[in-house]
């Protein structure tokens, strides 16, 4: 039976997403598409990996790739692959050795912008987050656009989609995790908060932040001190500040 007919496929686009998906080895590749023009060093690596993995490479016109990818932001590269390989929630929550209590998770609630989710994923990979958890109905899914916005970081991160964020928070607490929510109205600064140990940081969406019930189940809320006329940071920037403060406390203190 033709595997491509039994596996749900999608079109990855952009040099970094395709190259990192090849490096990660977690997707099934059916075909790589390139627009014939000057071959860069990264494109050379991508083509070498494709050849090594015996993946067919097809030259296409820019208009063809735009049609396949659904965007003109493809950088002349695309690939037909299996969908993003989601992780199980237990694989993320129970990661690491039981005696190792210094783990960090990112929970994303209400983030609908693929660029914000992609930027959060890129930072999460940089700081060594153990996994990312997003709800099925309150977040943009891990689409090719998210992979592009993450510069391919999505291809290496462990990400789970869950039905109920509150239930997941309760499970985390039962297993000894602390849950901290980012809330602009909180008078507790992230720089005065203990962000070590088994910690899950929740980032809310671009407009409404965390949902009230999610906020209610956090162990504590924290904010980023700010000055100036603009009174809020967007989700990806706030998340980056929070994750790097956790990184600093764990590795640089």
C-alpha atoms as a PDB file:
ATOM      1  CA  UNK A   1       0.000   0.000   0.000  1.00  0.00           C
ATOM      2  CA  UNK A   2       1.259   3.484  -0.868  1.00  0.00           C
ATOM      3  CA  UNK A   3       2.322   5.031   2.470  1.00  0.00           C
ATOM      4  CA  UNK A   4       1.537   8.553   1.260  1.00  0.00           C
ATOM      5  CA  UNK A   5      -2.104   7.516   0.826  1.00  0.00           C
ATOM      6  CA  UNK A   6      -2.334   6.270   4.430  1.00  0.00           C
ATOM      7  CA  UNK A   7      -0.431   9.101   6.154  1.00  0.00           C
ATOM      8  CA  UNK A   8      -1.798  12.626   6.477  1.00  0.00           C
ATOM      9  CA  UNK A   9       0.674  14.916   4.735  1.00  0.00           C
ATOM     10  CA  UNK A  10       1.449  18.617   4.705  1.00  0.00           C
ATOM     11  CA  UNK A  11       3.821  20.958   2.901  1.00  0.00           C
ATOM     12  CA  UNK A  12       6.684  22.300   4.996  1.00  0.00           C
ATOM     13  CA  UNK A  13       8.184  25.460   3.530  1.00  0.00           C
ATOM     14  CA  UNK A  14      11.316  27.506   4.120  1.00  0.00           C
ATOM     15  CA  UNK A  15      14.949  26.422   4.223  1.00  0.00           C
ATOM     16  CA  UNK A  16      15.266  26.113   8.016  1.00  0.00           C
ATOM     17  CA  UNK A  17      12.044  24.126   8.614  1.00  0.00           C
ATOM     18  CA  UNK A  18      12.884  21.619   5.869  1.00  0.00           C
ATOM     19  CA  UNK A  19      16.548  21.355   6.869  1.00  0.00           C
ATOM     20  CA  UNK A  20      15.752  20.971  10.587  1.00  0.00           C
ATOM     21  CA  UNK A  21      13.022  18.411   9.881  1.00  0.00           C
ATOM     22  CA  UNK A  22      15.588  16.412   7.910  1.00  0.00           C
ATOM     23  CA  UNK A  23      18.091  16.728  10.773  1.00  0.00           C
ATOM     24  CA  UNK A  24      15.514  15.796  13.424  1.00  0.00           C
ATOM     25  CA  UNK A  25      14.425  12.678  11.563  1.00  0.00           C
ATOM     26  CA  UNK A  26      10.958  12.660  13.107  1.00  0.00           C
ATOM     27  CA  UNK A  27       8.869  13.146   9.955  1.00  0.00           C
ATOM     28  CA  UNK A  28       8.398  10.935   6.926  1.00  0.00           C
ATOM     29  CA  UNK A  29       9.581  12.775   3.794  1.00  0.00           C
ATOM     30  CA  UNK A  30       7.908  11.963   0.495  1.00  0.00           C
ATOM     31  CA  UNK A  31       9.385  14.653  -1.753  1.00  0.00           C
ATOM     32  CA  UNK A  32      11.467  17.831  -1.601  1.00  0.00           C
ATOM     33  CA  UNK A  33      10.756  20.793  -3.881  1.00  0.00           C
ATOM     34  CA  UNK A  34      13.250  23.487  -4.852  1.00  0.00           C
ATOM     35  CA  UNK A  35      13.047  26.539  -7.064  1.00  0.00           C
ATOM     36  CA  UNK A  36      16.096  26.450  -9.278  1.00  0.00           C
ATOM     37  CA  UNK A  37      18.347  29.382  -8.605  1.00  0.00           C
ATOM     38  CA  UNK A  38      21.645  30.045  -6.813  1.00  0.00           C
ATOM     39  CA  UNK A  39      22.386  27.213  -4.379  1.00  0.00           C
ATOM     40  CA  UNK A  40      23.319  28.464  -0.893  1.00  0.00           C
ATOM     41  CA  UNK A  41      25.363  26.541   1.689  1.00  0.00           C
ATOM     42  CA  UNK A  42      22.239  25.652   3.689  1.00  0.00           C
ATOM     43  CA  UNK A  43      20.495  24.474   0.532  1.00  0.00           C
ATOM     44  CA  UNK A  44      23.543  22.346  -0.323  1.00  0.00           C
ATOM     45  CA  UNK A  45      23.269  20.688   3.113  1.00  0.00           C
ATOM     46  CA  UNK A  46      19.556  20.129   2.601  1.00  0.00           C
ATOM     47  CA  UNK A  47      20.069  18.546  -0.806  1.00  0.00           C
ATOM     48  CA  UNK A  48      22.889  16.349   0.531  1.00  0.00           C
ATOM     49  CA  UNK A  49      20.667  15.129   3.370  1.00  0.00           C
ATOM     50  CA  UNK A  50      17.823  14.470   0.943  1.00  0.00           C
ATOM     51  CA  UNK A  51      20.130  12.401  -1.251  1.00  0.00           C
ATOM     52  CA  UNK A  52      21.503  10.551   1.773  1.00  0.00           C
ATOM     53  CA  UNK A  53      17.962   9.693   2.894  1.00  0.00           C
ATOM     54  CA  UNK A  54      16.940   8.798  -0.696  1.00  0.00           C
ATOM     55  CA  UNK A  55      14.215  11.451  -0.805  1.00  0.00           C
ATOM     56  CA  UNK A  56      13.183  12.529  -4.336  1.00  0.00           C
ATOM     57  CA  UNK A  57      13.981  16.164  -5.155  1.00  0.00           C
ATOM     58  CA  UNK A  58      11.876  17.975  -7.755  1.00  0.00           C
ATOM     59  CA  UNK A  59      12.610  21.318  -9.376  1.00  0.00           C
ATOM     60  CA  UNK A  60       9.526  23.560  -9.525  1.00  0.00           C
ATOM     61  CA  UNK A  61       8.565  27.057 -10.594  1.00  0.00           C
ATOM     62  CA  UNK A  62       7.972  29.701  -7.875  1.00  0.00           C
ATOM     63  CA  UNK A  63       4.256  29.764  -8.763  1.00  0.00           C
ATOM     64  CA  UNK A  64       4.008  25.979  -8.296  1.00  0.00           C
ATOM     65  CA  UNK A  65       5.633  26.114  -4.874  1.00  0.00           C
ATOM     66  CA  UNK A  66       3.445  29.051  -3.859  1.00  0.00           C
ATOM     67  CA  UNK A  67       0.404  26.969  -4.790  1.00  0.00           C
ATOM     68  CA  UNK A  68       1.636  23.906  -2.881  1.00  0.00           C
ATOM     69  CA  UNK A  69       2.673  25.828   0.253  1.00  0.00           C
ATOM     70  CA  UNK A  70      -0.203  28.287   0.181  1.00  0.00           C
ATOM     71  CA  UNK A  71       2.220  31.184   0.637  1.00  0.00           C
ATOM     72  CA  UNK A  72       4.976  33.024  -1.208  1.00  0.00           C
ATOM     73  CA  UNK A  73       7.164  32.988   1.941  1.00  0.00           C
ATOM     74  CA  UNK A  74       8.706  29.633   0.989  1.00  0.00           C
ATOM     75  CA  UNK A  75      12.304  30.822   0.267  1.00  0.00           C
ATOM     76  CA  UNK A  76      12.357  28.546  -2.772  1.00  0.00           C
ATOM     77  CA  UNK A  77      12.142  25.340  -0.692  1.00  0.00           C
ATOM     78  CA  UNK A  78       9.315  22.999   0.256  1.00  0.00           C
ATOM     79  CA  UNK A  79       8.740  19.378   1.207  1.00  0.00           C
ATOM     80  CA  UNK A  80       5.783  17.015   1.362  1.00  0.00           C
ATOM     81  CA  UNK A  81       6.019  15.314   4.744  1.00  0.00           C
ATOM     82  CA  UNK A  82       3.961  13.539   7.361  1.00  0.00           C
ATOM     83  CA  UNK A  83       2.317  15.804   9.940  1.00  0.00           C
ATOM     84  CA  UNK A  84       4.123  17.131  12.987  1.00  0.00           C
ATOM     85  CA  UNK A  85       4.819  14.251  15.455  1.00  0.00           C
ATOM     86  CA  UNK A  86       2.973  15.214  18.642  1.00  0.00           C
ATOM     87  CA  UNK A  87       4.229  13.944  21.995  1.00  0.00           C
ATOM     88  CA  UNK A  88       2.062  12.289  24.617  1.00  0.00           C
ATOM     89  CA  UNK A  89       1.328  14.402  27.679  1.00  0.00           C
ATOM     90  CA  UNK A  90       2.771  11.725  29.991  1.00  0.00           C
ATOM     91  CA  UNK A  91       6.006  11.659  27.958  1.00  0.00           C
ATOM     92  CA  UNK A  92       6.450  15.360  28.686  1.00  0.00           C
ATOM     93  CA  UNK A  93       5.271  15.503  32.301  1.00  0.00           C
ATOM     94  CA  UNK A  94       7.201  12.425  33.384  1.00  0.00           C
ATOM     95  CA  UNK A  95      10.395  13.311  31.519  1.00  0.00           C
ATOM     96  CA  UNK A  96      13.761  12.934  33.209  1.00  0.00           C
ATOM     97  CA  UNK A  97      14.835  10.976  36.239  1.00  0.00           C
ATOM     98  CA  UNK A  98      12.548  11.088  39.336  1.00  0.00           C
ATOM     99  CA  UNK A  99      15.370  12.432  41.477  1.00  0.00           C
ATOM    100  CA  UNK A 100      16.075  15.265  39.039  1.00  0.00           C
ATOM    101  CA  UNK A 101      13.682  18.023  40.064  1.00  0.00           C
ATOM    102  CA  UNK A 102      15.011  20.829  37.852  1.00  0.00           C
ATOM    103  CA  UNK A 103      12.652  20.667  34.869  1.00  0.00           C
ATOM    104  CA  UNK A 104      10.865  23.421  32.950  1.00  0.00           C
ATOM    105  CA  UNK A 105       7.675  23.258  30.891  1.00  0.00           C
ATOM    106  CA  UNK A 106       5.903  25.903  28.824  1.00  0.00           C
ATOM    107  CA  UNK A 107       2.099  25.945  28.723  1.00  0.00           C
ATOM    108  CA  UNK A 108       0.523  28.159  26.061  1.00  0.00           C
ATOM    109  CA  UNK A 109      -3.091  29.259  26.498  1.00  0.00           C
ATOM    110  CA  UNK A 110      -5.116  31.296  23.997  1.00  0.00           C
ATOM    111  CA  UNK A 111      -2.216  32.041  21.605  1.00  0.00           C
ATOM    112  CA  UNK A 112      -3.721  32.116  18.110  1.00  0.00           C
ATOM    113  CA  UNK A 113      -0.939  33.851  16.157  1.00  0.00           C
ATOM    114  CA  UNK A 114       1.447  31.337  14.474  1.00  0.00           C
ATOM    115  CA  UNK A 115       4.270  33.892  14.629  1.00  0.00           C
ATOM    116  CA  UNK A 116       3.924  34.218  18.404  1.00  0.00           C
ATOM    117  CA  UNK A 117       3.764  30.460  18.924  1.00  0.00           C
ATOM    118  CA  UNK A 118       6.729  29.965  16.603  1.00  0.00           C
ATOM    119  CA  UNK A 119       8.781  32.563  18.477  1.00  0.00           C
ATOM    120  CA  UNK A 120       7.886  30.946  21.833  1.00  0.00           C
ATOM    121  CA  UNK A 121       8.979  27.541  20.504  1.00  0.00           C
ATOM    122  CA  UNK A 122      12.268  28.953  19.228  1.00  0.00           C
ATOM    123  CA  UNK A 123      13.089  30.454  22.645  1.00  0.00           C
ATOM    124  CA  UNK A 124      11.913  27.317  24.458  1.00  0.00           C
ATOM    125  CA  UNK A 125      14.355  25.188  22.464  1.00  0.00           C
ATOM    126  CA  UNK A 126      17.182  27.646  23.189  1.00  0.00           C
ATOM    127  CA  UNK A 127      16.668  27.507  26.973  1.00  0.00           C
ATOM    128  CA  UNK A 128      16.188  23.736  27.091  1.00  0.00           C
ATOM    129  CA  UNK A 129      12.499  23.553  27.949  1.00  0.00           C
ATOM    130  CA  UNK A 130      11.487  19.915  28.455  1.00  0.00           C
ATOM    131  CA  UNK A 131       8.262  20.291  26.511  1.00  0.00           C
ATOM    132  CA  UNK A 132       5.431  22.556  25.413  1.00  0.00           C
ATOM    133  CA  UNK A 133       1.749  21.949  26.084  1.00  0.00           C
ATOM    134  CA  UNK A 134      -1.021  23.642  24.104  1.00  0.00           C
ATOM    135  CA  UNK A 135      -4.808  23.133  24.135  1.00  0.00           C
ATOM    136  CA  UNK A 136      -6.576  21.750  21.091  1.00  0.00           C
ATOM    137  CA  UNK A 137      -9.189  24.507  21.064  1.00  0.00           C
ATOM    138  CA  UNK A 138      -7.338  27.519  22.451  1.00  0.00           C
ATOM    139  CA  UNK A 139      -4.161  27.686  20.395  1.00  0.00           C
ATOM    140  CA  UNK A 140      -2.921  27.645  16.838  1.00  0.00           C
ATOM    141  CA  UNK A 141      -1.830  24.059  16.025  1.00  0.00           C
ATOM    142  CA  UNK A 142       1.781  23.198  15.077  1.00  0.00           C
ATOM    143  CA  UNK A 143       1.380  24.008  11.381  1.00  0.00           C
ATOM    144  CA  UNK A 144       4.089  24.524   8.732  1.00  0.00           C
ATOM    145  CA  UNK A 145       3.620  28.282   9.305  1.00  0.00           C
ATOM    146  CA  UNK A 146       4.539  27.774  12.974  1.00  0.00           C
ATOM    147  CA  UNK A 147       7.599  25.751  11.962  1.00  0.00           C
ATOM    148  CA  UNK A 148       8.632  28.577   9.629  1.00  0.00           C
ATOM    149  CA  UNK A 149       8.109  31.195  12.361  1.00  0.00           C
ATOM    150  CA  UNK A 150      10.208  29.088  14.750  1.00  0.00           C
ATOM    151  CA  UNK A 151      13.081  28.903  12.204  1.00  0.00           C
ATOM    152  CA  UNK A 152      12.722  25.115  12.298  1.00  0.00           C
ATOM    153  CA  UNK A 153      12.892  24.825  16.113  1.00  0.00           C
ATOM    154  CA  UNK A 154       9.466  23.142  16.112  1.00  0.00           C
ATOM    155  CA  UNK A 155      11.054  20.123  14.434  1.00  0.00           C
ATOM    156  CA  UNK A 156      13.149  19.407  17.545  1.00  0.00           C
ATOM    157  CA  UNK A 157      10.759  20.343  20.381  1.00  0.00           C
ATOM    158  CA  UNK A 158       8.420  18.002  22.232  1.00  0.00           C
ATOM    159  CA  UNK A 159       4.895  19.374  22.001  1.00  0.00           C
ATOM    160  CA  UNK A 160       1.616  17.919  23.248  1.00  0.00           C
ATOM    161  CA  UNK A 161      -1.935  19.051  22.498  1.00  0.00           C
ATOM    162  CA  UNK A 162      -4.409  18.488  25.310  1.00  0.00           C
ATOM    163  CA  UNK A 163      -8.175  18.693  25.627  1.00  0.00           C
ATOM    164  CA  UNK A 164      -8.380  20.473  28.985  1.00  0.00           C
ATOM    165  CA  UNK A 165      -5.732  22.860  30.308  1.00  0.00           C
ATOM    166  CA  UNK A 166      -7.126  22.943  33.863  1.00  0.00           C
ATOM    167  CA  UNK A 167      -7.076  19.137  34.097  1.00  0.00           C
ATOM    168  CA  UNK A 168      -3.455  19.173  32.884  1.00  0.00           C
ATOM    169  CA  UNK A 169      -2.525  21.768  35.511  1.00  0.00           C
ATOM    170  CA  UNK A 170      -4.102  19.602  38.229  1.00  0.00           C
ATOM    171  CA  UNK A 171      -2.126  16.592  36.978  1.00  0.00           C
ATOM    172  CA  UNK A 172       1.089  18.611  37.053  1.00  0.00           C
ATOM    173  CA  UNK A 173       0.454  19.653  40.653  1.00  0.00           C
ATOM    174  CA  UNK A 174      -0.270  16.066  41.680  1.00  0.00           C
ATOM    175  CA  UNK A 175       3.102  15.092  40.266  1.00  0.00           C
ATOM    176  CA  UNK A 176       4.965  17.799  42.182  1.00  0.00           C
ATOM    177  CA  UNK A 177       5.155  20.582  39.619  1.00  0.00           C
ATOM    178  CA  UNK A 178       4.687  24.276  40.464  1.00  0.00           C
ATOM    179  CA  UNK A 179       2.600  26.275  38.017  1.00  0.00           C
ATOM    180  CA  UNK A 180       3.345  29.977  37.433  1.00  0.00           C
ATOM    181  CA  UNK A 181       1.194  32.186  35.224  1.00  0.00           C
ATOM    182  CA  UNK A 182       2.268  35.370  33.475  1.00  0.00           C
ATOM    183  CA  UNK A 183      -0.175  38.140  34.447  1.00  0.00           C
ATOM    184  CA  UNK A 184       0.428  41.830  33.780  1.00  0.00           C
ATOM    185  CA  UNK A 185      -1.672  42.876  36.796  1.00  0.00           C
ATOM    186  CA  UNK A 186       0.363  40.797  39.256  1.00  0.00           C
ATOM    187  CA  UNK A 187       2.509  42.749  41.729  1.00  0.00           C
ATOM    188  CA  UNK A 188       4.976  39.845  41.951  1.00  0.00           C
ATOM    189  CA  UNK A 189       7.975  40.397  39.688  1.00  0.00           C
ATOM    190  CA  UNK A 190       9.434  37.461  37.780  1.00  0.00           C
ATOM    191  CA  UNK A 191      12.841  38.667  38.996  1.00  0.00           C
ATOM    192  CA  UNK A 192      11.750  38.118  42.618  1.00  0.00           C
ATOM    193  CA  UNK A 193      10.034  34.784  41.919  1.00  0.00           C
ATOM    194  CA  UNK A 194      11.629  31.388  42.452  1.00  0.00           C
ATOM    195  CA  UNK A 195      11.712  29.798  38.998  1.00  0.00           C
ATOM    196  CA  UNK A 196      13.809  26.739  39.873  1.00  0.00           C
ATOM    197  CA  UNK A 197      12.684  23.147  40.399  1.00  0.00           C
ATOM    198  CA  UNK A 198       9.864  21.431  38.517  1.00  0.00           C
ATOM    199  CA  UNK A 199       8.121  24.467  37.071  1.00  0.00           C
ATOM    200  CA  UNK A 200       5.502  25.048  34.386  1.00  0.00           C
ATOM    201  CA  UNK A 201       5.199  28.621  33.081  1.00  0.00           C
ATOM    202  CA  UNK A 202       1.885  29.584  31.456  1.00  0.00           C
ATOM    203  CA  UNK A 203       1.795  32.249  28.750  1.00  0.00           C
ATOM    204  CA  UNK A 204      -1.574  33.730  27.814  1.00  0.00           C
ATOM    205  CA  UNK A 205      -2.761  34.960  24.443  1.00  0.00           C
ATOM    206  CA  UNK A 206      -2.214  38.182  22.553  1.00  0.00           C
ATOM    207  CA  UNK A 207      -5.414  39.952  23.606  1.00  0.00           C
ATOM    208  CA  UNK A 208      -7.089  38.293  26.579  1.00  0.00           C
ATOM    209  CA  UNK A 209      -4.178  36.520  28.261  1.00  0.00           C
ATOM    210  CA  UNK A 210      -4.933  33.341  30.197  1.00  0.00           C
ATOM    211  CA  UNK A 211      -8.515  32.254  30.608  1.00  0.00           C
ATOM    212  CA  UNK A 212      -9.860  33.037  34.116  1.00  0.00           C
ATOM    213  CA  UNK A 213     -10.174  29.370  35.163  1.00  0.00           C
ATOM    214  CA  UNK A 214      -6.613  28.647  34.023  1.00  0.00           C
ATOM    215  CA  UNK A 215      -5.373  31.688  35.949  1.00  0.00           C
ATOM    216  CA  UNK A 216      -7.280  30.562  39.055  1.00  0.00           C
ATOM    217  CA  UNK A 217      -5.418  27.236  39.167  1.00  0.00           C
ATOM    218  CA  UNK A 218      -1.903  28.730  39.009  1.00  0.00           C
ATOM    219  CA  UNK A 219       0.186  28.438  42.182  1.00  0.00           C
ATOM    220  CA  UNK A 220       1.271  32.037  41.691  1.00  0.00           C
ATOM    221  CA  UNK A 221       1.096  34.839  39.137  1.00  0.00           C
ATOM    222  CA  UNK A 222       4.021  37.031  38.119  1.00  0.00           C
ATOM    223  CA  UNK A 223       4.647  40.020  35.902  1.00  0.00           C
ATOM    224  CA  UNK A 224       7.511  41.706  34.069  1.00  0.00           C
ATOM    225  CA  UNK A 225       8.358  45.159  35.441  1.00  0.00           C
ATOM    226  CA  UNK A 226       7.868  47.838  32.782  1.00  0.00           C
ATOM    227  CA  UNK A 227       8.305  51.567  32.237  1.00  0.00           C
ATOM    228  CA  UNK A 228       7.049  53.782  29.473  1.00  0.00           C
ATOM    229  CA  UNK A 229       3.712  54.532  27.805  1.00  0.00           C
ATOM    230  CA  UNK A 230       3.080  51.022  26.374  1.00  0.00           C
ATOM    231  CA  UNK A 231       1.753  48.842  29.155  1.00  0.00           C
ATOM    232  CA  UNK A 232       2.194  45.339  27.776  1.00  0.00           C
ATOM    233  CA  UNK A 233       4.572  43.034  25.903  1.00  0.00           C
ATOM    234  CA  UNK A 234       3.285  40.599  23.326  1.00  0.00           C
ATOM    235  CA  UNK A 235       3.049  36.899  24.198  1.00  0.00           C
ATOM    236  CA  UNK A 236       6.295  35.790  22.574  1.00  0.00           C
ATOM    237  CA  UNK A 237       8.395  38.573  24.139  1.00  0.00           C
ATOM    238  CA  UNK A 238       6.895  38.075  27.611  1.00  0.00           C
ATOM    239  CA  UNK A 239       7.441  34.340  27.291  1.00  0.00           C
ATOM    240  CA  UNK A 240      11.054  34.829  26.223  1.00  0.00           C
ATOM    241  CA  UNK A 241      11.786  37.085  29.221  1.00  0.00           C
ATOM    242  CA  UNK A 242      10.182  34.576  31.611  1.00  0.00           C
ATOM    243  CA  UNK A 243      11.973  31.556  30.148  1.00  0.00           C
ATOM    244  CA  UNK A 244      15.354  33.270  30.198  1.00  0.00           C
ATOM    245  CA  UNK A 245      14.862  34.392  33.795  1.00  0.00           C
ATOM    246  CA  UNK A 246      14.170  30.746  34.659  1.00  0.00           C
ATOM    247  CA  UNK A 247      17.282  29.787  32.677  1.00  0.00           C
ATOM    248  CA  UNK A 248      19.363  32.376  34.537  1.00  0.00           C
ATOM    249  CA  UNK A 249      18.215  31.158  37.947  1.00  0.00           C
ATOM    250  CA  UNK A 250      18.904  27.527  37.049  1.00  0.00           C
ATOM    251  CA  UNK A 251      22.229  27.835  35.260  1.00  0.00           C
ATOM    252  CA  UNK A 252      23.832  31.228  35.925  1.00  0.00           C
ATOM    253  CA  UNK A 253      23.123  31.978  39.584  1.00  0.00           C
END
